[in-house]
Amino acid sequence: MVNRKILLASRPKGMPDESNFEVIETTVPELQEGEVLIKTLYLSVDPYMRGRMSAAKSYAKPYEVGEPFLGGMVGKVVESKNSRFQAGQFVEGRLEWAEYNVSDGSTIRKVNPELAPVSTALHVLGMPGLTAYFGLIYIGEPKEGETVVVSGASGAVGTIVGQIAKLKGCRVVGIAGGDDKCSYLTEELGFDAAINYKTTDNLRKSLKEACPNGVDVYFDNVGGPVSDAVMSLINFQSRTIICGQISQYNLEKPELGPRVAGQLLTTSSLMKGFIVSDYAEHNKEGLTQLSQWVREGKIQYRENVVEGFENTVDAFLGLFRGDNIGKQLVKIAEE
């Protein structure tokens, strides 16, 4: 069978473009004992992948030039020589951006289509959902009546963070880049307020109005001037969770901003960065709780689905244009 793959053609300087990617055609190898052949149904495109396009040292190994992209995918087993998996089962894992993948089974898990649509294994019932859960619950420790601010609030992680905070009895304020996104947060997800950072004349003033009692928990997906404004309003013993810095990913030189050490000191506050794998031992707990909330209708989600393998790169670049509300996915094939 012919199998298309997407490779890293070159390392970008600043914002990536189509020239940094290459699509090749190859053939699917014959399965060896212990291996599984998986047909890709959905590919996940995520902001953290931009960091892996760089050679700079980070928490994840950089992609190699000339090698395939690796990311989250949901697929269907079409052939198996592994006793743990059978043809017809749905699986999720970190595999190549390709129409077909061969796995030894160590990097995939089974997905139950009866719990929720299988695509949710790539967001609310997968890595983004767990990121939201662990960051807010384990680091943010939200308490009833506190004010929680979320930047990048209309994205796959931010939408879940805000809804969990509401379940914990908090006042929730979202920051997003568009009136449609802000309306979605307040009208459909139950956020108490939402601020369009692109149109407000004074972000700090808008935040102060939306957070009359200050900020107790800040879930940061964005960084940059947005976070500078939030940090000026933190309360005594506040908690700031550093999950992402998407405003900084495509800068060729680091942005110079306010130094926050003094604010953290005088307010006895915590600022902690994390990645979802830090809490891998609690995955079962997180997925069980998230699944329950989804079944009970307490957590809503939205998918922005781009059709076709050939549109994968554009879907990825769309993350940095702000195209998506909720989780950005690429649908490769029918279930």
Protein backbone atom coordinates (compact mmCIF):
# COMPACT_ATOMS: atom_id res chain seq x y z
CA MET A 1 0.00 0.00 0.00
CA VAL A 2 1.13 3.54 -0.74
CA ASN A 3 1.63 5.59 2.41
CA ARG A 4 2.03 9.37 2.50
CA LYS A 5 4.16 10.91 5.26
CA ILE A 6 5.04 14.47 6.26
CA LEU A 7 8.71 15.21 7.00
CA LEU A 8 10.53 18.19 8.48
CA ALA A 9 12.26 19.65 5.43
CA SER A 10 14.07 22.48 7.21
CA ARG A 11 14.11 24.29 10.54
CA PRO A 12 12.04 27.49 10.48
CA LYS A 13 13.25 30.94 11.44
CA GLY A 14 10.33 32.76 12.96
CA MET A 15 6.90 31.68 11.74
CA PRO A 16 6.97 28.30 9.91
CA ASP A 17 5.62 28.04 6.39
CA GLU A 18 4.94 25.34 3.81
CA SER A 19 8.61 25.23 2.75
CA ASN A 20 9.57 23.70 6.11
CA PHE A 21 7.57 20.55 5.33
CA GLU A 22 7.84 17.80 2.74
CA VAL A 23 5.29 15.17 1.75
CA ILE A 24 6.68 11.85 0.53
CA GLU A 25 5.16 8.60 -0.68
CA THR A 26 6.46 5.29 0.57
CA THR A 27 5.10 1.77 0.98
CA VAL A 28 3.73 0.12 4.09
CA PRO A 29 6.23 -2.50 5.31
CA GLU A 30 5.25 -6.09 5.98
CA LEU A 31 4.41 -6.63 9.65
CA GLN A 32 6.87 -8.40 11.90
CA GLU A 33 5.87 -10.44 14.95
CA GLY A 34 4.58 -8.18 17.72
CA GLU A 35 3.68 -5.32 15.40
CA VAL A 36 0.38 -3.60 14.55
CA LEU A 37 -0.65 -1.81 11.35
CA ILE A 38 -2.80 1.25 12.05
CA LYS A 39 -4.80 3.33 9.58
CA THR A 40 -4.88 6.98 10.66
CA LEU A 41 -8.34 8.47 11.19
CA TYR A 42 -7.46 11.75 12.94
CA LEU A 43 -4.21 13.66 13.42
CA SER A 44 -3.69 16.14 16.22
CA VAL A 45 -1.86 19.41 15.54
CA ASP A 46 -0.56 21.09 18.69
CA PRO A 47 1.41 24.27 19.51
CA TYR A 48 4.19 22.35 21.32
CA MET A 49 5.21 20.87 17.96
CA ARG A 50 6.62 24.25 16.94
CA GLY A 51 9.24 23.91 19.68
CA ARG A 52 10.27 20.51 18.39
CA MET A 53 10.95 22.00 14.94
CA SER A 54 13.84 23.89 16.54
CA ALA A 55 17.17 22.31 17.44
CA ALA A 56 17.13 24.08 20.81
CA LYS A 57 17.19 21.91 23.93
CA SER A 58 13.76 21.46 25.50
CA TYR A 59 11.67 18.91 27.40
CA ALA A 60 11.09 16.94 24.18
CA LYS A 61 13.64 15.77 21.64
CA PRO A 62 13.71 17.97 18.52
CA TYR A 63 12.39 16.61 15.24
CA GLU A 64 15.24 15.70 12.91
CA VAL A 65 15.42 17.30 9.47
CA GLY A 66 14.41 14.69 6.88
CA GLU A 67 12.50 12.62 9.42
CA PRO A 68 8.70 12.35 9.90
CA PHE A 69 6.75 14.55 12.26
CA LEU A 70 5.50 12.75 15.36
CA GLY A 71 2.24 13.67 17.06
CA GLY A 72 -1.01 12.48 18.51
CA MET A 73 -3.21 10.33 16.31
CA VAL A 74 -6.29 8.14 16.51
CA GLY A 75 -6.48 5.21 14.17
CA LYS A 76 -7.96 1.81 13.49
CA VAL A 77 -6.02 -1.44 13.61
CA VAL A 78 -6.18 -3.04 10.16
CA GLU A 79 -3.75 -5.90 10.84
CA SER A 80 -2.12 -7.20 13.99
CA LYS A 81 0.63 -9.61 14.93
CA ASN A 82 0.48 -8.40 18.54
CA SER A 83 -1.66 -10.37 20.98
CA ARG A 84 -2.74 -7.18 22.80
CA PHE A 85 -4.47 -5.69 19.75
CA GLN A 86 -6.97 -6.98 17.24
CA ALA A 87 -8.03 -5.78 13.80
CA GLY A 88 -10.94 -3.37 14.04
CA GLN A 89 -9.93 -1.83 17.38
CA PHE A 90 -9.43 1.91 17.76
CA VAL A 91 -6.15 3.15 19.23
CA GLU A 92 -4.50 6.43 20.17
CA GLY A 93 -0.81 7.19 20.36
CA ARG A 94 2.17 9.34 19.44
CA LEU A 95 3.07 8.25 15.94
CA GLU A 96 4.12 9.66 12.58
CA TRP A 97 2.15 12.16 10.54
CA ALA A 98 1.27 9.47 8.03
CA GLU A 99 -1.75 7.70 6.56
CA TYR A 100 -0.53 4.40 8.02
CA ASN A 101 1.71 3.60 10.97
CA VAL A 102 3.39 0.43 12.18
CA SER A 103 3.77 0.15 15.96
CA ASP A 104 5.14 -2.44 18.34
CA GLY A 105 2.27 -1.54 20.68
CA SER A 106 4.37 0.27 23.28
CA THR A 107 3.26 3.77 22.28
CA ILE A 108 -0.47 3.18 21.70
CA ARG A 109 -3.52 2.59 23.88
CA LYS A 110 -6.97 1.24 23.08
CA VAL A 111 -9.84 3.72 22.71
CA ASN A 112 -13.39 2.74 23.62
CA PRO A 113 -15.78 4.23 21.01
CA GLU A 114 -18.74 3.65 23.33
CA LEU A 115 -17.51 6.24 25.87
CA ALA A 116 -17.35 9.15 23.42
CA PRO A 117 -16.41 9.80 19.78
CA VAL A 118 -12.91 8.40 19.20
CA SER A 119 -11.59 11.83 18.22
CA THR A 120 -11.97 12.96 21.85
CA ALA A 121 -8.96 10.79 22.71
CA LEU A 122 -6.95 13.63 21.15
CA HIS A 123 -8.42 16.40 23.27
CA VAL A 124 -10.92 16.34 26.15
CA LEU A 125 -10.22 12.66 26.89
CA GLY A 126 -6.57 12.80 25.95
CA MET A 127 -3.47 14.95 26.28
CA PRO A 128 -5.13 18.42 26.30
CA GLY A 129 -7.79 17.33 28.80
CA LEU A 130 -5.19 15.79 31.10
CA THR A 131 -3.03 18.91 30.75
CA ALA A 132 -5.94 21.07 31.87
CA TYR A 133 -6.84 18.72 34.72
CA PHE A 134 -3.35 18.23 36.16
CA GLY A 135 -2.30 21.85 35.79
CA LEU A 136 -5.39 23.31 37.40
CA ILE A 137 -6.04 20.68 40.07
CA TYR A 138 -2.50 19.72 41.11
CA ILE A 139 -0.81 23.13 40.77
CA GLY A 140 -3.62 25.67 40.78
CA GLU A 141 -5.57 24.02 43.61
CA PRO A 142 -8.65 26.20 42.95
CA LYS A 143 -10.92 26.96 45.88
CA GLU A 144 -14.57 27.96 45.84
CA GLY A 145 -14.99 31.70 45.42
CA GLU A 146 -11.52 32.30 43.96
CA THR A 147 -10.90 34.05 40.63
CA VAL A 148 -9.25 31.99 37.89
CA VAL A 149 -7.91 33.65 34.73
CA VAL A 150 -7.12 31.58 31.64
CA SER A 151 -5.14 32.87 28.64
CA GLY A 152 -5.55 31.09 25.33
CA ALA A 153 -8.95 30.33 26.80
CA SER A 154 -10.68 29.26 23.59
CA GLY A 155 -8.12 26.57 22.76
CA ALA A 156 -8.19 22.85 23.46
CA VAL A 157 -6.65 23.21 26.94
CA GLY A 158 -8.09 26.57 27.93
CA THR A 159 -11.71 25.61 27.32
CA ILE A 160 -11.35 22.61 29.64
CA VAL A 161 -9.48 24.56 32.33
CA GLY A 162 -12.25 27.14 32.55
CA GLN A 163 -15.01 24.56 32.82
CA ILE A 164 -13.21 22.61 35.55
CA ALA A 165 -12.68 25.88 37.45
CA LYS A 166 -16.42 26.58 37.24
CA LEU A 167 -17.11 23.09 38.58
CA LYS A 168 -14.90 24.00 41.54
CA GLY A 169 -17.03 27.08 42.26
CA CYS A 170 -14.64 29.72 40.94
CA ARG A 171 -15.16 32.96 39.05
CA VAL A 172 -13.59 32.34 35.65
CA VAL A 173 -12.26 34.95 33.24
CA GLY A 174 -10.98 33.95 29.82
CA ILE A 175 -8.66 35.86 27.50
CA ALA A 176 -8.98 35.07 23.78
CA GLY A 177 -8.34 36.64 20.38
CA GLY A 178 -11.75 37.25 18.84
CA ASP A 179 -15.30 38.28 19.70
CA ASP A 180 -16.64 34.93 18.45
CA LYS A 181 -14.26 33.12 20.77
CA CYS A 182 -15.22 35.28 23.73
CA SER A 183 -18.92 34.71 23.05
CA TYR A 184 -18.33 30.97 22.95
CA LEU A 185 -16.62 31.09 26.34
CA THR A 186 -19.36 33.04 28.09
CA GLU A 187 -22.49 31.88 26.27
CA GLU A 188 -21.74 28.18 25.83
CA LEU A 189 -19.07 27.24 28.37
CA GLY A 190 -20.21 29.34 31.30
CA PHE A 191 -17.19 31.60 31.79
CA ASP A 192 -18.12 34.63 33.89
CA ALA A 193 -16.29 37.04 31.60
CA ALA A 194 -14.10 36.98 28.51
CA ILE A 195 -11.75 39.63 27.14
CA ASN A 196 -10.70 40.02 23.50
CA TYR A 197 -7.05 41.01 23.89
CA LYS A 198 -6.89 42.08 20.24
CA THR A 199 -9.50 44.82 20.56
CA THR A 200 -9.31 46.07 24.14
CA ASP A 201 -7.64 49.46 24.49
CA ASN A 202 -6.17 48.58 27.88
CA LEU A 203 -5.89 44.92 28.76
CA ARG A 204 -4.92 45.54 32.38
CA LYS A 205 -7.92 47.83 32.88
CA SER A 206 -10.26 45.28 31.27
CA LEU A 207 -8.84 42.55 33.49
CA LYS A 208 -9.20 44.68 36.61
CA GLU A 209 -12.87 45.24 35.79
CA ALA A 210 -13.42 41.52 35.15
CA CYS A 211 -11.46 40.54 38.28
CA PRO A 212 -12.60 43.01 40.98
CA ASN A 213 -11.15 40.79 43.70
CA GLY A 214 -7.83 40.24 41.94
CA VAL A 215 -6.45 36.99 40.49
CA ASP A 216 -5.98 33.89 42.64
CA VAL A 217 -5.11 31.38 39.91
CA TYR A 218 -3.65 32.14 36.48
CA PHE A 219 -3.46 29.36 33.89
CA ASP A 220 -1.00 30.66 31.30
CA ASN A 221 -1.05 29.28 27.76
CA VAL A 222 0.19 32.43 26.04
CA GLY A 223 2.89 34.42 27.85
CA GLY A 224 4.07 37.82 26.60
CA PRO A 225 2.16 41.09 27.20
CA VAL A 226 -1.04 39.19 28.07
CA SER A 227 0.66 37.51 31.01
CA ASP A 228 2.36 40.75 32.03
CA ALA A 229 -1.09 42.30 32.49
CA VAL A 230 -2.42 39.36 34.49
CA MET A 231 0.60 39.15 36.78
CA SER A 232 0.11 42.77 37.86
CA LEU A 233 -3.18 41.71 39.50
CA ILE A 234 -2.19 38.55 41.41
CA ASN A 235 -3.37 38.13 44.99
CA PHE A 236 -1.60 36.95 48.13
CA GLN A 237 -0.61 33.30 47.76
CA SER A 238 -1.78 33.15 44.17
CA ARG A 239 -0.79 30.26 41.90
CA THR A 240 0.39 30.71 38.31
CA ILE A 241 0.53 27.63 36.09
CA ILE A 242 2.84 27.88 33.08
CA CYS A 243 1.43 25.52 30.48
CA GLY A 244 2.36 27.21 27.19
CA GLN A 245 3.88 30.37 25.72
CA ILE A 246 2.41 30.42 22.24
CA SER A 247 3.00 34.16 21.80
CA GLN A 248 6.74 33.47 22.00
CA TYR A 249 7.16 30.33 19.90
CA ASN A 250 7.84 32.05 16.57
CA LEU A 251 10.03 34.90 17.83
CA GLU A 252 13.59 34.87 16.54
CA LYS A 253 14.80 36.68 19.68
CA PRO A 254 13.36 36.42 23.21
CA GLU A 255 10.99 39.25 24.09
CA LEU A 256 12.04 41.54 26.93
CA GLY A 257 9.27 41.92 29.48
CA PRO A 258 8.61 42.88 33.11
CA ARG A 259 10.39 40.89 35.78
CA VAL A 260 7.81 39.20 38.01
CA ALA A 261 10.06 37.95 40.85
CA GLY A 262 9.18 40.95 42.99
CA GLN A 263 5.45 40.37 42.61
CA LEU A 264 5.83 36.69 43.48
CA LEU A 265 7.90 37.63 46.53
CA THR A 266 5.62 40.33 47.94
CA THR A 267 2.47 38.23 47.41
CA SER A 268 4.04 34.93 48.61
CA SER A 269 2.90 33.44 45.31
CA LEU A 270 3.76 30.32 43.35
CA MET A 271 4.68 30.11 39.65
CA LYS A 272 5.28 26.63 38.29
CA GLY A 273 5.80 25.26 34.83
CA PHE A 274 4.82 21.69 33.91
CA ILE A 275 4.24 19.23 31.12
CA VAL A 276 1.52 16.62 31.15
CA SER A 277 3.91 13.67 31.45
CA ASP A 278 5.00 14.97 34.87
CA TYR A 279 1.75 13.51 36.20
CA ALA A 280 1.60 10.33 34.09
CA GLU A 281 1.12 8.16 37.18
CA HIS A 282 -2.25 9.89 37.67
CA ASN A 283 -3.50 9.42 34.09
CA LYS A 284 -6.15 6.90 35.11
CA GLU A 285 -7.54 9.27 37.73
CA GLY A 286 -7.63 12.16 35.27
CA LEU A 287 -9.26 10.24 32.44
CA THR A 288 -11.83 8.70 34.79
CA GLN A 289 -12.87 12.11 36.12
CA LEU A 290 -12.89 13.79 32.72
CA SER A 291 -14.94 10.94 31.22
CA GLN A 292 -17.48 11.27 34.01
CA TRP A 293 -17.82 15.03 33.51
CA VAL A 294 -18.25 14.56 29.73
CA ARG A 295 -20.90 11.85 30.20
CA GLU A 296 -22.78 14.04 32.67
CA GLY A 297 -22.69 17.01 30.31
CA LYS A 298 -20.64 19.07 32.76
CA ILE A 299 -17.82 19.58 30.27
CA GLN A 300 -18.53 20.64 26.71
CA TYR A 301 -16.01 20.55 23.88
CA ARG A 302 -15.67 21.74 20.32
CA GLU A 303 -13.61 20.32 17.47
CA ASN A 304 -12.29 22.37 14.56
CA VAL A 305 -11.88 19.61 11.98
CA VAL A 306 -9.84 20.15 8.80
CA GLU A 307 -10.50 17.50 6.16
CA GLY A 308 -7.77 15.70 4.25
CA PHE A 309 -4.18 14.56 4.83
CA GLU A 310 -2.99 17.11 2.27
CA ASN A 311 -4.26 19.92 4.53
CA THR A 312 -2.37 18.81 7.66
CA VAL A 313 0.37 21.42 7.40
CA ASP A 314 -2.10 24.25 6.86
CA ALA A 315 -4.09 23.07 9.89
CA PHE A 316 -0.91 23.19 11.96
CA LEU A 317 -0.01 26.69 10.75
CA GLY A 318 -3.59 27.72 11.51
CA LEU A 319 -2.86 27.31 15.22
CA PHE A 320 -0.61 30.38 15.03
CA ARG A 321 -3.14 32.33 12.96
CA GLY A 322 -5.76 31.67 15.64
CA ASP A 323 -8.04 29.73 13.28
CA ASN A 324 -9.43 27.31 15.85
CA ILE A 325 -11.97 27.37 18.62
CA GLY A 326 -11.43 24.27 20.72
CA LYS A 327 -9.31 21.41 19.45
CA GLN A 328 -7.70 21.58 16.00
CA LEU A 329 -7.86 18.18 14.27
CA VAL A 330 -7.22 16.80 10.82
CA LYS A 331 -9.59 14.10 9.61
CA ILE A 332 -7.65 11.66 7.44
CA ALA A 333 -10.17 8.87 6.85
CA GLU A 334 -13.67 7.74 7.80
CA GLU A 335 -14.06 5.57 10.88
